[in-house]
Amino acid sequence: AGRTSGKTTSEIIDVNFHIKLDYGIIGEVGFANQILCKQFTQE
């Protein structure tokens, strides 16, 4: 249940997902072994 999208459901695609995100002044931050689901969230 998200603040923006409310109650939504999905399915897990990957449990070892690696992602890099741009955190502005901090720069790129890499995360390992994350959970990736089919899109079910919003900003």
Full PDB file with SEQRES, HELIX, SHEET, SSBOND, CRYST1, ORIGX, SCALE, CONECT and MASTER records, all heavy atoms in Angstrom:
SEQRES   1 A   43  ALA GLY ARG THR SER GLY LYS THR THR SER GLU ILE ILE          
SEQRES   2 A   43  ASP VAL ASN PHE HIS ILE LYS LEU ASP TYR GLY ILE ILE          
SEQRES   3 A   43  GLY GLU VAL GLY PHE ALA ASN GLN ILE LEU CYS LYS GLN          
SEQRES   4 A   43  PHE THR GLN GLU                                              
HELIX    1 AA1 GLY A   24  ILE A   26  5                                   3    
SHEET    1 AA1 2 ILE A  12  ASP A  22  0                                        
SHEET    2 AA1 2 GLU A  28  CYS A  37 -1                                        
CRYST1    1.000    1.000    1.000  90.00  90.00  90.00 P 1           1          
ORIGX1      1.000000  0.000000  0.000000        0.00000                         
ORIGX2      0.000000  1.000000  0.000000        0.00000                         
ORIGX3      0.000000  0.000000  1.000000        0.00000                         
SCALE1      1.000000  0.000000  0.000000        0.00000                         
SCALE2      0.000000  1.000000  0.000000        0.00000                         
SCALE3      0.000000  0.000000  1.000000        0.00000                         
ATOM      1  N   ALA A   1       0.879  -1.177   0.000  1.00  0.00           N  
ATOM      2  CA  ALA A   1       0.000   0.000   0.000  1.00  0.00           C  
ATOM      3  C   ALA A   1       0.908   1.216   0.000  1.00  0.00           C  
ATOM      4  O   ALA A   1       1.571   1.500   0.998  1.00  0.00           O  
ATOM      5  CB  ALA A   1      -0.924  -0.004   1.215  1.00  0.00           C  
ATOM      6  N   GLY A   2       0.972   1.923  -1.112  1.00  0.00           N  
ATOM      7  CA  GLY A   2       1.862   3.070  -1.247  1.00  0.00           C  
ATOM      8  C   GLY A   2       1.133   4.388  -1.076  1.00  0.00           C  
ATOM      9  O   GLY A   2      -0.071   4.476  -1.324  1.00  0.00           O  
ATOM     10  N   ARG A   3       1.865   5.417  -0.691  1.00  0.00           N  
ATOM     11  CA  ARG A   3       1.284   6.736  -0.506  1.00  0.00           C  
ATOM     12  C   ARG A   3       0.637   7.253  -1.783  1.00  0.00           C  
ATOM     13  O   ARG A   3      -0.432   7.838  -1.760  1.00  0.00           O  
ATOM     14  CB  ARG A   3       2.354   7.729  -0.050  1.00  0.00           C  
ATOM     15  CG  ARG A   3       1.769   9.097   0.268  1.00  0.00           C  
ATOM     16  CD  ARG A   3       2.785  10.191   0.172  1.00  0.00           C  
ATOM     17  NE  ARG A   3       3.093  10.428  -1.233  1.00  0.00           N  
ATOM     18  CZ  ARG A   3       3.921  11.345  -1.664  1.00  0.00           C  
ATOM     19  NH1 ARG A   3       4.554  12.105  -0.821  1.00  0.00           N  
ATOM     20  NH2 ARG A   3       4.149  11.493  -2.945  1.00  0.00           N  
ATOM     21  N   THR A   4       1.275   7.014  -2.926  1.00  0.00           N  
ATOM     22  CA  THR A   4       0.775   7.532  -4.203  1.00  0.00           C  
ATOM     23  C   THR A   4      -0.168   6.559  -4.890  1.00  0.00           C  
ATOM     24  O   THR A   4      -1.265   6.926  -5.293  1.00  0.00           O  
ATOM     25  CB  THR A   4       1.953   7.864  -5.142  1.00  0.00           C  
ATOM     26  OG1 THR A   4       2.838   8.757  -4.469  1.00  0.00           O  
ATOM     27  CG2 THR A   4       1.467   8.507  -6.424  1.00  0.00           C  
ATOM     28  N   SER A   5       0.249   5.315  -5.035  1.00  0.00           N  
ATOM     29  CA  SER A   5      -0.528   4.359  -5.840  1.00  0.00           C  
ATOM     30  C   SER A   5      -1.535   3.540  -5.044  1.00  0.00           C  
ATOM     31  O   SER A   5      -2.322   2.807  -5.630  1.00  0.00           O  
ATOM     32  CB  SER A   5       0.410   3.422  -6.595  1.00  0.00           C  
ATOM     33  OG  SER A   5       1.173   2.650  -5.689  1.00  0.00           O  
ATOM     34  N   GLY A   6      -1.498   3.628  -3.712  1.00  0.00           N  
ATOM     35  CA  GLY A   6      -2.435   2.855  -2.896  1.00  0.00           C  
ATOM     36  C   GLY A   6      -2.091   1.380  -2.889  1.00  0.00           C  
ATOM     37  O   GLY A   6      -0.944   0.982  -3.051  1.00  0.00           O  
ATOM     38  N   LYS A   7      -3.112   0.546  -2.723  1.00  0.00           N  
ATOM     39  CA  LYS A   7      -2.934  -0.906  -2.639  1.00  0.00           C  
ATOM     40  C   LYS A   7      -2.793  -1.475  -4.051  1.00  0.00           C  
ATOM     41  O   LYS A   7      -3.695  -1.335  -4.872  1.00  0.00           O  
ATOM     42  CB  LYS A   7      -4.135  -1.521  -1.933  1.00  0.00           C  
ATOM     43  CG  LYS A   7      -4.089  -3.013  -1.773  1.00  0.00           C  
ATOM     44  CD  LYS A   7      -5.332  -3.478  -1.023  1.00  0.00           C  
ATOM     45  CE  LYS A   7      -5.489  -4.963  -1.029  1.00  0.00           C  
ATOM     46  NZ  LYS A   7      -6.726  -5.367  -0.324  1.00  0.00           N  
ATOM     47  N   THR A   8      -1.661  -2.113  -4.321  1.00  0.00           N  
ATOM     48  CA  THR A   8      -1.415  -2.733  -5.619  1.00  0.00           C  
ATOM     49  C   THR A   8      -0.694  -4.060  -5.424  1.00  0.00           C  
ATOM     50  O   THR A   8      -0.084  -4.295  -4.386  1.00  0.00           O  
ATOM     51  CB  THR A   8      -0.578  -1.825  -6.558  1.00  0.00           C  
ATOM     52  OG1 THR A   8       0.640  -1.475  -5.896  1.00  0.00           O  
ATOM     53  CG2 THR A   8      -1.323  -0.558  -6.931  1.00  0.00           C  
ATOM     54  N   THR A   9      -0.755  -4.906  -6.434  1.00  0.00           N  
ATOM     55  CA  THR A   9      -0.115  -6.211  -6.375  1.00  0.00           C  
ATOM     56  C   THR A   9       0.852  -6.384  -7.546  1.00  0.00           C  
ATOM     57  O   THR A   9       0.753  -5.687  -8.551  1.00  0.00           O  
ATOM     58  CB  THR A   9      -1.166  -7.345  -6.417  1.00  0.00           C  
ATOM     59  OG1 THR A   9      -1.902  -7.237  -7.629  1.00  0.00           O  
ATOM     60  CG2 THR A   9      -2.104  -7.280  -5.232  1.00  0.00           C  
ATOM     61  N   SER A  10       1.760  -7.331  -7.398  1.00  0.00           N  
ATOM     62  CA  SER A  10       2.736  -7.598  -8.445  1.00  0.00           C  
ATOM     63  C   SER A  10       3.289  -9.005  -8.283  1.00  0.00           C  
ATOM     64  O   SER A  10       2.773  -9.798  -7.496  1.00  0.00           O  
ATOM     65  CB  SER A  10       3.871  -6.566  -8.389  1.00  0.00           C  
ATOM     66  OG  SER A  10       4.762  -6.733  -9.477  1.00  0.00           O  
ATOM     67  N   GLU A  11       4.357  -9.262  -9.015  1.00  0.00           N  
ATOM     68  CA  GLU A  11       5.048 -10.543  -8.956  1.00  0.00           C  
ATOM     69  C   GLU A  11       6.550 -10.281  -8.970  1.00  0.00           C  
ATOM     70  O   GLU A  11       7.036  -9.414  -9.701  1.00  0.00           O  
ATOM     71  CB  GLU A  11       4.669 -11.399 -10.165  1.00  0.00           C  
ATOM     72  CG  GLU A  11       5.314 -12.755 -10.186  1.00  0.00           C  
ATOM     73  CD  GLU A  11       4.892 -13.576 -11.397  1.00  0.00           C  
ATOM     74  OE1 GLU A  11       3.829 -13.300 -11.978  1.00  0.00           O  
ATOM     75  OE2 GLU A  11       5.649 -14.489 -11.767  1.00  0.00           O  
ATOM     76  N   ILE A  12       7.287 -11.040  -8.165  1.00  0.00           N  
ATOM     77  CA  ILE A  12       8.748 -10.899  -8.115  1.00  0.00           C  
ATOM     78  C   ILE A  12       9.358 -11.529  -9.361  1.00  0.00           C  
ATOM     79  O   ILE A  12       9.075 -12.679  -9.696  1.00  0.00           O  
ATOM     80  CB  ILE A  12       9.330 -11.529  -6.837  1.00  0.00           C  
ATOM     81  CG1 ILE A  12       8.823 -10.763  -5.604  1.00  0.00           C  
ATOM     82  CG2 ILE A  12      10.860 -11.555  -6.885  1.00  0.00           C  
ATOM     83  CD1 ILE A  12       9.267 -11.337  -4.277  1.00  0.00           C  
ATOM     84  N   ILE A  13      10.206 -10.740 -10.036  1.00  0.00           N  
ATOM     85  CA  ILE A  13      10.890 -11.181 -11.249  1.00  0.00           C  
ATOM     86  C   ILE A  13      12.298 -11.691 -10.937  1.00  0.00           C  
ATOM     87  O   ILE A  13      12.778 -12.646 -11.526  1.00  0.00           O  
ATOM     88  CB  ILE A  13      11.012 -10.014 -12.260  1.00  0.00           C  
ATOM     89  CG1 ILE A  13       9.638  -9.468 -12.624  1.00  0.00           C  
ATOM     90  CG2 ILE A  13      11.777 -10.438 -13.503  1.00  0.00           C  
ATOM     91  CD1 ILE A  13       9.700  -8.142 -13.384  1.00  0.00           C  
ATOM     92  N   ASP A  14      12.980 -11.008  -9.988  1.00  0.00           N  
ATOM     93  CA  ASP A  14      14.380 -11.317  -9.695  1.00  0.00           C  
ATOM     94  C   ASP A  14      14.657 -11.021  -8.228  1.00  0.00           C  
ATOM     95  O   ASP A  14      14.123 -10.054  -7.673  1.00  0.00           O  
ATOM     96  CB  ASP A  14      15.293 -10.468 -10.595  1.00  0.00           C  
ATOM     97  CG  ASP A  14      16.752 -10.907 -10.592  1.00  0.00           C  
ATOM     98  OD1 ASP A  14      17.134 -11.783  -9.794  1.00  0.00           O  
ATOM     99  OD2 ASP A  14      17.528 -10.344 -11.395  1.00  0.00           O  
ATOM    100  N   VAL A  15      15.498 -11.821  -7.592  1.00  0.00           N  
ATOM    101  CA  VAL A  15      15.886 -11.585  -6.203  1.00  0.00           C  
ATOM    102  C   VAL A  15      17.376 -11.270  -6.065  1.00  0.00           C  
ATOM    103  O   VAL A  15      17.872 -11.108  -4.961  1.00  0.00           O  
ATOM    104  CB  VAL A  15      15.503 -12.783  -5.294  1.00  0.00           C  
ATOM    105  CG1 VAL A  15      13.995 -12.929  -5.205  1.00  0.00           C  
ATOM    106  CG2 VAL A  15      16.160 -14.068  -5.761  1.00  0.00           C  
ATOM    107  N   ASN A  16      18.070 -11.168  -7.186  1.00  0.00           N  
ATOM    108  CA  ASN A  16      19.499 -10.816  -7.204  1.00  0.00           C  
ATOM    109  C   ASN A  16      19.745  -9.653  -8.155  1.00  0.00           C  
ATOM    110  O   ASN A  16      20.761  -9.607  -8.842  1.00  0.00           O  
ATOM    111  CB  ASN A  16      20.334 -12.026  -7.631  1.00  0.00           C  
ATOM    112  CG  ASN A  16      20.233 -13.152  -6.636  1.00  0.00           C  
ATOM    113  OD1 ASN A  16      20.502 -12.979  -5.457  1.00  0.00           O  
ATOM    114  ND2 ASN A  16      19.801 -14.313  -7.086  1.00  0.00           N  
ATOM    115  N   PHE A  17      18.818  -8.719  -8.191  1.00  0.00           N  
ATOM    116  CA  PHE A  17      18.858  -7.594  -9.116  1.00  0.00           C  
ATOM    117  C   PHE A  17      19.883  -6.553  -8.659  1.00  0.00           C  
ATOM    118  O   PHE A  17      19.957  -6.212  -7.486  1.00  0.00           O  
ATOM    119  CB  PHE A  17      17.463  -6.964  -9.197  1.00  0.00           C  
ATOM    120  CG  PHE A  17      17.335  -5.885 -10.232  1.00  0.00           C  
ATOM    121  CD1 PHE A  17      17.439  -6.180 -11.577  1.00  0.00           C  
ATOM    122  CD2 PHE A  17      17.085  -4.576  -9.853  1.00  0.00           C  
ATOM    123  CE1 PHE A  17      17.301  -5.188 -12.540  1.00  0.00           C  
ATOM    124  CE2 PHE A  17      16.941  -3.573 -10.800  1.00  0.00           C  
ATOM    125  CZ  PHE A  17      17.053  -3.880 -12.146  1.00  0.00           C  
ATOM    126  N   HIS A  18      20.700  -6.074  -9.607  1.00  0.00           N  
ATOM    127  CA  HIS A  18      21.671  -5.012  -9.352  1.00  0.00           C  
ATOM    128  C   HIS A  18      21.204  -3.752 -10.073  1.00  0.00           C  
ATOM    129  O   HIS A  18      20.797  -3.822 -11.235  1.00  0.00           O  
ATOM    130  CB  HIS A  18      23.055  -5.409  -9.867  1.00  0.00           C  
ATOM    131  CG  HIS A  18      23.736  -6.461  -9.036  1.00  0.00           C  
ATOM    132  ND1 HIS A  18      23.115  -7.601  -8.574  1.00  0.00           N  
ATOM    133  CD2 HIS A  18      25.008  -6.529  -8.581  1.00  0.00           C  
ATOM    134  CE1 HIS A  18      23.971  -8.319  -7.884  1.00  0.00           C  
ATOM    135  NE2 HIS A  18      25.135  -7.696  -7.868  1.00  0.00           N  
ATOM    136  N   ILE A  19      21.285  -2.618  -9.377  1.00  0.00           N  
ATOM    137  CA  ILE A  19      20.805  -1.364  -9.950  1.00  0.00           C  
ATOM    138  C   ILE A  19      21.697  -0.212  -9.504  1.00  0.00           C  
ATOM    139  O   ILE A  19      22.193  -0.209  -8.377  1.00  0.00           O  
ATOM    140  CB  ILE A  19      19.329  -1.100  -9.556  1.00  0.00           C  
ATOM    141  CG1 ILE A  19      18.777   0.137 -10.258  1.00  0.00           C  
ATOM    142  CG2 ILE A  19      19.177  -1.011  -8.042  1.00  0.00           C  
ATOM    143  CD1 ILE A  19      17.291   0.343 -10.077  1.00  0.00           C  
ATOM    144  N   LYS A  20      21.922   0.737 -10.429  1.00  0.00           N  
ATOM    145  CA  LYS A  20      22.633   1.977 -10.120  1.00  0.00           C  
ATOM    146  C   LYS A  20      21.630   3.114 -10.202  1.00  0.00           C  
ATOM    147  O   LYS A  20      20.868   3.216 -11.165  1.00  0.00           O  
ATOM    148  CB  LYS A  20      23.756   2.245 -11.117  1.00  0.00           C  
ATOM    149  CG  LYS A  20      25.038   1.541 -10.824  1.00  0.00           C  
ATOM    150  CD  LYS A  20      26.141   2.026 -11.747  1.00  0.00           C  
ATOM    151  CE  LYS A  20      27.364   1.147 -11.581  1.00  0.00           C  
ATOM    152  NZ  LYS A  20      28.459   1.571 -12.452  1.00  0.00           N  
ATOM    153  N   LEU A  21      21.646   3.975  -9.175  1.00  0.00           N  
ATOM    154  CA  LEU A  21      20.756   5.130  -9.133  1.00  0.00           C  
ATOM    155  C   LEU A  21      21.569   6.397  -8.945  1.00  0.00           C  
ATOM    156  O   LEU A  21      22.587   6.388  -8.251  1.00  0.00           O  
ATOM    157  CB  LEU A  21      19.758   4.986  -7.977  1.00  0.00           C  
ATOM    158  CG  LEU A  21      18.853   3.765  -8.026  1.00  0.00           C  
ATOM    159  CD1 LEU A  21      18.080   3.618  -6.721  1.00  0.00           C  
ATOM    160  CD2 LEU A  21      17.901   3.872  -9.203  1.00  0.00           C  
ATOM    161  N   ASP A  22      21.120   7.481  -9.544  1.00  0.00           N  
ATOM    162  CA  ASP A  22      21.786   8.770  -9.400  1.00  0.00           C  
ATOM    163  C   ASP A  22      21.187   9.502  -8.210  1.00  0.00           C  
ATOM    164  O   ASP A  22      20.012   9.861  -8.217  1.00  0.00           O  
ATOM    165  CB  ASP A  22      21.608   9.599 -10.678  1.00  0.00           C  
ATOM    166  CG  ASP A  22      22.361  10.916 -10.632  1.00  0.00           C  
ATOM    167  OD1 ASP A  22      22.969  11.249  -9.586  1.00  0.00           O  
ATOM    168  OD2 ASP A  22      22.344  11.630 -11.647  1.00  0.00           O  
ATOM    169  N   TYR A  23      21.989   9.723  -7.178  1.00  0.00           N  
ATOM    170  CA  TYR A  23      21.555  10.420  -5.971  1.00  0.00           C  
ATOM    171  C   TYR A  23      22.083  11.857  -5.944  1.00  0.00           C  
ATOM    172  O   TYR A  23      22.413  12.381  -4.891  1.00  0.00           O  
ATOM    173  CB  TYR A  23      22.016   9.659  -4.730  1.00  0.00           C  
ATOM    174  CG  TYR A  23      21.110   8.505  -4.364  1.00  0.00           C  
ATOM    175  CD1 TYR A  23      21.173   7.299  -5.045  1.00  0.00           C  
ATOM    176  CD2 TYR A  23      20.193   8.620  -3.328  1.00  0.00           C  
ATOM    177  CE1 TYR A  23      20.352   6.239  -4.715  1.00  0.00           C  
ATOM    178  CE2 TYR A  23      19.366   7.558  -2.981  1.00  0.00           C  
ATOM    179  CZ  TYR A  23      19.450   6.371  -3.681  1.00  0.00           C  
ATOM    180  OH  TYR A  23      18.627   5.321  -3.341  1.00  0.00           O  
ATOM    181  N   GLY A  24      22.137  12.488  -7.091  1.00  0.00           N  
ATOM    182  CA  GLY A  24      22.525  13.893  -7.167  1.00  0.00           C  
ATOM    183  C   GLY A  24      23.925  14.156  -6.666  1.00  0.00           C  
ATOM    184  O   GLY A  24      24.892  13.618  -7.204  1.00  0.00           O  
ATOM    185  N   ILE A  25      24.045  14.950  -5.620  1.00  0.00           N  
ATOM    186  CA  ILE A  25      25.344  15.367  -5.091  1.00  0.00           C  
ATOM    187  C   ILE A  25      26.193  14.182  -4.629  1.00  0.00           C  
ATOM    188  O   ILE A  25      27.416  14.229  -4.681  1.00  0.00           O  
ATOM    189  CB  ILE A  25      25.176  16.401  -3.959  1.00  0.00           C  
ATOM    190  CG1 ILE A  25      26.491  17.099  -3.687  1.00  0.00           C  
ATOM    191  CG2 ILE A  25      24.594  15.774  -2.714  1.00  0.00           C  
ATOM    192  CD1 ILE A  25      26.359  18.352  -2.863  1.00  0.00           C  
ATOM    193  N   ILE A  26      25.558  13.088  -4.197  1.00  0.00           N  
ATOM    194  CA  ILE A  26      26.289  11.889  -3.767  1.00  0.00           C  
ATOM    195  C   ILE A  26      26.870  11.163  -4.969  1.00  0.00           C  
ATOM    196  O   ILE A  26      27.917  10.548  -4.891  1.00  0.00           O  
ATOM    197  CB  ILE A  26      25.372  10.950  -2.958  1.00  0.00           C  
ATOM    198  CG1 ILE A  26      24.929  11.636  -1.677  1.00  0.00           C  
ATOM    199  CG2 ILE A  26      26.055   9.626  -2.655  1.00  0.00           C  
ATOM    200  CD1 ILE A  26      23.866  10.889  -0.912  1.00  0.00           C  
ATOM    201  N   GLY A  27      26.176  11.234  -6.092  1.00  0.00           N  
ATOM    202  CA  GLY A  27      26.607  10.555  -7.306  1.00  0.00           C  
ATOM    203  C   GLY A  27      25.858   9.251  -7.510  1.00  0.00           C  
ATOM    204  O   GLY A  27      24.786   9.033  -6.948  1.00  0.00           O  
ATOM    205  N   GLU A  28      26.435   8.381  -8.306  1.00  0.00           N  
ATOM    206  CA  GLU A  28      25.820   7.092  -8.582  1.00  0.00           C  
ATOM    207  C   GLU A  28      26.011   6.142  -7.407  1.00  0.00           C  
ATOM    208  O   GLU A  28      27.107   6.022  -6.866  1.00  0.00           O  
ATOM    209  CB  GLU A  28      26.411   6.455  -9.843  1.00  0.00           C  
ATOM    210  CG  GLU A  28      25.854   7.035 -11.113  1.00  0.00           C  
ATOM    211  CD  GLU A  28      26.170   6.147 -12.310  1.00  0.00           C  
ATOM    212  OE1 GLU A  28      27.207   5.455 -12.324  1.00  0.00           O  
ATOM    213  OE2 GLU A  28      25.334   6.150 -13.241  1.00  0.00           O  
ATOM    214  N   VAL A  29      24.919   5.485  -7.034  1.00  0.00           N  
ATOM    215  CA  VAL A  29      24.948   4.531  -5.932  1.00  0.00           C  
ATOM    216  C   VAL A  29      24.502   3.189  -6.483  1.00  0.00           C  
ATOM    217  O   VAL A  29      23.418   3.076  -7.068  1.00  0.00           O  
ATOM    218  CB  VAL A  29      24.023   4.985  -4.780  1.00  0.00           C  
ATOM    219  CG1 VAL A  29      24.004   3.955  -3.671  1.00  0.00           C  
ATOM    220  CG2 VAL A  29      24.457   6.354  -4.244  1.00  0.00           C  
ATOM    221  N   GLY A  30      25.342   2.182  -6.312  1.00  0.00           N  
ATOM    222  CA  GLY A  30      25.023   0.842  -6.796  1.00  0.00           C  
ATOM    223  C   GLY A  30      24.497  -0.044  -5.682  1.00  0.00           C  
ATOM    224  O   GLY A  30      25.054  -0.082  -4.586  1.00  0.00           O  
ATOM    225  N   PHE A  31      23.411  -0.735  -5.968  1.00  0.00           N  
ATOM    226  CA  PHE A  31      22.796  -1.650  -5.011  1.00  0.00           C  
ATOM    227  C   PHE A  31      22.840  -3.063  -5.581  1.00  0.00           C  
ATOM    228  O   PHE A  31      22.505  -3.275  -6.740  1.00  0.00           O  
ATOM    229  CB  PHE A  31      21.337  -1.257  -4.741  1.00  0.00           C  
ATOM    230  CG  PHE A  31      21.195   0.051  -4.043  1.00  0.00           C  
ATOM    231  CD1 PHE A  31      21.102   1.226  -4.767  1.00  0.00           C  
ATOM    232  CD2 PHE A  31      21.180   0.118  -2.650  1.00  0.00           C  
ATOM    233  CE1 PHE A  31      20.976   2.450  -4.131  1.00  0.00           C  
ATOM    234  CE2 PHE A  31      21.056   1.343  -2.004  1.00  0.00           C  
ATOM    235  CZ  PHE A  31      20.950   2.501  -2.746  1.00  0.00           C  
ATOM    236  N   ALA A  32      23.232  -4.026  -4.753  1.00  0.00           N  
ATOM    237  CA  ALA A  32      23.335  -5.426  -5.174  1.00  0.00           C  
ATOM    238  C   ALA A  32      22.259  -6.268  -4.506  1.00  0.00           C  
ATOM    239  O   ALA A  32      21.814  -5.970  -3.396  1.00  0.00           O  
ATOM    240  CB  ALA A  32      24.714  -5.974  -4.804  1.00  0.00           C  
ATOM    241  N   ASN A  33      21.869  -7.327  -5.206  1.00  0.00           N  
ATOM    242  CA  ASN A  33      20.970  -8.346  -4.664  1.00  0.00           C  
ATOM    243  C   ASN A  33      19.651  -7.775  -4.139  1.00  0.00           C  
ATOM    244  O   ASN A  33      19.218  -8.076  -3.032  1.00  0.00           O  
ATOM    245  CB  ASN A  33      21.683  -9.165  -3.588  1.00  0.00           C  
ATOM    246  CG  ASN A  33      22.918  -9.830  -4.151  1.00  0.00           C  
ATOM    247  OD1 ASN A  33      22.873 -10.431  -5.222  1.00  0.00           O  
ATOM    248  ND2 ASN A  33      24.031  -9.686  -3.462  1.00  0.00           N  
ATOM    249  N   GLN A  34      19.030  -6.966  -4.978  1.00  0.00           N  
ATOM    250  CA  GLN A  34      17.743  -6.362  -4.643  1.00  0.00           C  
ATOM    251  C   GLN A  34      16.602  -7.202  -5.213  1.00  0.00           C  
ATOM    252  O   GLN A  34      16.806  -8.097  -6.011  1.00  0.00           O  
ATOM    253  CB  GLN A  34      17.678  -4.937  -5.189  1.00  0.00           C  
ATOM    254  CG  GLN A  34      18.788  -4.032  -4.680  1.00  0.00           C  
ATOM    255  CD  GLN A  34      18.786  -3.894  -3.164  1.00  0.00           C  
ATOM    256  OE1 GLN A  34      17.842  -3.375  -2.593  1.00  0.00           O  
ATOM    257  NE2 GLN A  34      19.840  -4.378  -2.523  1.00  0.00           N  
ATOM    258  N   ILE A  35      15.383  -6.872  -4.796  1.00  0.00           N  
ATOM    259  CA  ILE A  35      14.191  -7.569  -5.269  1.00  0.00           C  
ATOM    260  C   ILE A  35      13.560  -6.732  -6.376  1.00  0.00           C  
ATOM    261  O   ILE A  35      13.232  -5.563  -6.163  1.00  0.00           O  
ATOM    262  CB  ILE A  35      13.173  -7.755  -4.130  1.00  0.00           C  
ATOM    263  CG1 ILE A  35      13.792  -8.547  -2.976  1.00  0.00           C  
ATOM    264  CG2 ILE A  35      11.903  -8.427  -4.650  1.00  0.00           C  
ATOM    265  CD1 ILE A  35      12.986  -8.483  -1.689  1.00  0.00           C  
ATOM    266  N   LEU A  36      13.403  -7.312  -7.556  1.00  0.00           N  
ATOM    267  CA  LEU A  36      12.767  -6.627  -8.682  1.00  0.00           C  
ATOM    268  C   LEU A  36      11.393  -7.250  -8.925  1.00  0.00           C  
ATOM    269  O   LEU A  36      11.269  -8.462  -9.077  1.00  0.00           O  
ATOM    270  CB  LEU A  36      13.609  -6.757  -9.954  1.00  0.00           C  
ATOM    271  CG  LEU A  36      12.999  -6.148 -11.223  1.00  0.00           C  
ATOM    272  CD1 LEU A  36      12.874  -4.632 -11.095  1.00  0.00           C  
ATOM    273  CD2 LEU A  36      13.830  -6.526 -12.441  1.00  0.00           C  
ATOM    274  N   CYS A  37      10.383  -6.391  -8.934  1.00  0.00           N  
ATOM    275  CA  CYS A  37       9.006  -6.817  -9.220  1.00  0.00           C  
ATOM    276  C   CYS A  37       8.535  -6.163 -10.502  1.00  0.00           C  
ATOM    277  O   CYS A  37       9.060  -5.122 -10.905  1.00  0.00           O  
ATOM    278  CB  CYS A  37       8.065  -6.376  -8.096  1.00  0.00           C  
ATOM    279  SG  CYS A  37       8.413  -7.117  -6.502  1.00  0.00           S  
ATOM    280  N   LYS A  38       7.521  -6.762 -11.112  1.00  0.00           N  
ATOM    281  CA  LYS A  38       6.849  -6.077 -12.207  1.00  0.00           C  
ATOM    282  C   LYS A  38       6.349  -4.748 -11.656  1.00  0.00           C  
ATOM    283  O   LYS A  38       5.967  -4.660 -10.487  1.00  0.00           O  
ATOM    284  CB  LYS A  38       5.678  -6.918 -12.725  1.00  0.00           C  
ATOM    285  CG  LYS A  38       6.100  -8.209 -13.383  1.00  0.00           C  
ATOM    286  CD  LYS A  38       4.889  -9.031 -13.803  1.00  0.00           C  
ATOM    287  CE  LYS A  38       5.318 -10.350 -14.420  1.00  0.00           C  
ATOM    288  NZ  LYS A  38       4.161 -11.202 -14.746  1.00  0.00           N  
ATOM    289  N   GLN A  39       6.368  -3.706 -12.503  1.00  0.00           N  
ATOM    290  CA  GLN A  39       5.993  -2.354 -12.084  1.00  0.00           C  
ATOM    291  C   GLN A  39       4.665  -2.336 -11.326  1.00  0.00           C  
ATOM    292  O   GLN A  39       3.657  -2.784 -11.847  1.00  0.00           O  
ATOM    293  CB  GLN A  39       5.891  -1.446 -13.320  1.00  0.00           C  
ATOM    294  CG  GLN A  39       5.406  -0.051 -13.052  1.00  0.00           C  
ATOM    295  CD  GLN A  39       6.449   0.812 -12.385  1.00  0.00           C  
ATOM    296  OE1 GLN A  39       7.567   0.887 -12.832  1.00  0.00           O  
ATOM    297  NE2 GLN A  39       6.076   1.466 -11.309  1.00  0.00           N  
ATOM    298  N   PHE A  40       4.700  -1.842 -10.065  1.00  0.00           N  
ATOM    299  CA  PHE A  40       3.460  -1.673  -9.300  1.00  0.00           C  
ATOM    300  C   PHE A  40       3.522  -0.515  -8.314  1.00  0.00           C  
ATOM    301  O   PHE A  40       2.714  -0.411  -7.402  1.00  0.00           O  
ATOM    302  CB  PHE A  40       3.038  -2.975  -8.611  1.00  0.00           C  
ATOM    303  CG  PHE A  40       3.805  -3.375  -7.359  1.00  0.00           C  
ATOM    304  CD1 PHE A  40       3.107  -3.778  -6.230  1.00  0.00           C  
ATOM    305  CD2 PHE A  40       5.193  -3.398  -7.319  1.00  0.00           C  
ATOM    306  CE1 PHE A  40       3.779  -4.190  -5.078  1.00  0.00           C  
ATOM    307  CE2 PHE A  40       5.872  -3.807  -6.189  1.00  0.00           C  
ATOM    308  CZ  PHE A  40       5.160  -4.202  -5.050  1.00  0.00           C  
ATOM    309  N   THR A  41       4.489   0.368  -8.552  1.00  0.00           N  
ATOM    310  CA  THR A  41       4.664   1.525  -7.683  1.00  0.00           C  
ATOM    311  C   THR A  41       4.758   2.795  -8.519  1.00  0.00           C  
ATOM    312  O   THR A  41       4.982   2.740  -9.730  1.00  0.00           O  
ATOM    313  CB  THR A  41       5.942   1.391  -6.841  1.00  0.00           C  
ATOM    314  OG1 THR A  41       7.057   1.236  -7.733  1.00  0.00           O  
ATOM    315  CG2 THR A  41       5.875   0.186  -5.908  1.00  0.00           C  
ATOM    316  N   GLN A  42       4.628   3.915  -7.817  1.00  0.00           N  
ATOM    317  CA  GLN A  42       4.770   5.218  -8.445  1.00  0.00           C  
ATOM    318  C   GLN A  42       5.655   6.091  -7.563  1.00  0.00           C  
ATOM    319  O   GLN A  42       5.912   5.752  -6.392  1.00  0.00           O  
ATOM    320  CB  GLN A  42       3.401   5.896  -8.612  1.00  0.00           C  
ATOM    321  CG  GLN A  42       2.464   5.185  -9.555  1.00  0.00           C  
ATOM    322  CD  GLN A  42       1.095   5.856  -9.603  1.00  0.00           C  
ATOM    323  OE1 GLN A  42       0.924   6.997  -9.207  1.00  0.00           O  
ATOM    324  NE2 GLN A  42       0.106   5.123 -10.086  1.00  0.00           N  
ATOM    325  N   GLU A  43       6.097   7.212  -8.112  1.00  0.00           N  
ATOM    326  CA  GLU A  43       6.884   8.160  -7.335  1.00  0.00           C  
ATOM    327  C   GLU A  43       6.097   8.528  -6.087  1.00  0.00           C  
ATOM    328  O   GLU A  43       4.907   8.818  -6.151  1.00  0.00           O  
ATOM    329  CB  GLU A  43       7.164   9.407  -8.167  1.00  0.00           C  
ATOM    330  CG  GLU A  43       8.151  10.342  -7.527  1.00  0.00           C  
ATOM    331  CD  GLU A  43       8.537  11.484  -8.452  1.00  0.00           C  
ATOM    332  OE1 GLU A  43       8.715  11.246  -9.652  1.00  0.00           O  
ATOM    333  OE2 GLU A  43       8.663  12.606  -7.946  1.00  0.00           O  
TER     334      GLU A  43                                                      
MASTER        0    0    0    1    2    0    0    6  333    1    0    4          
END                                                                             
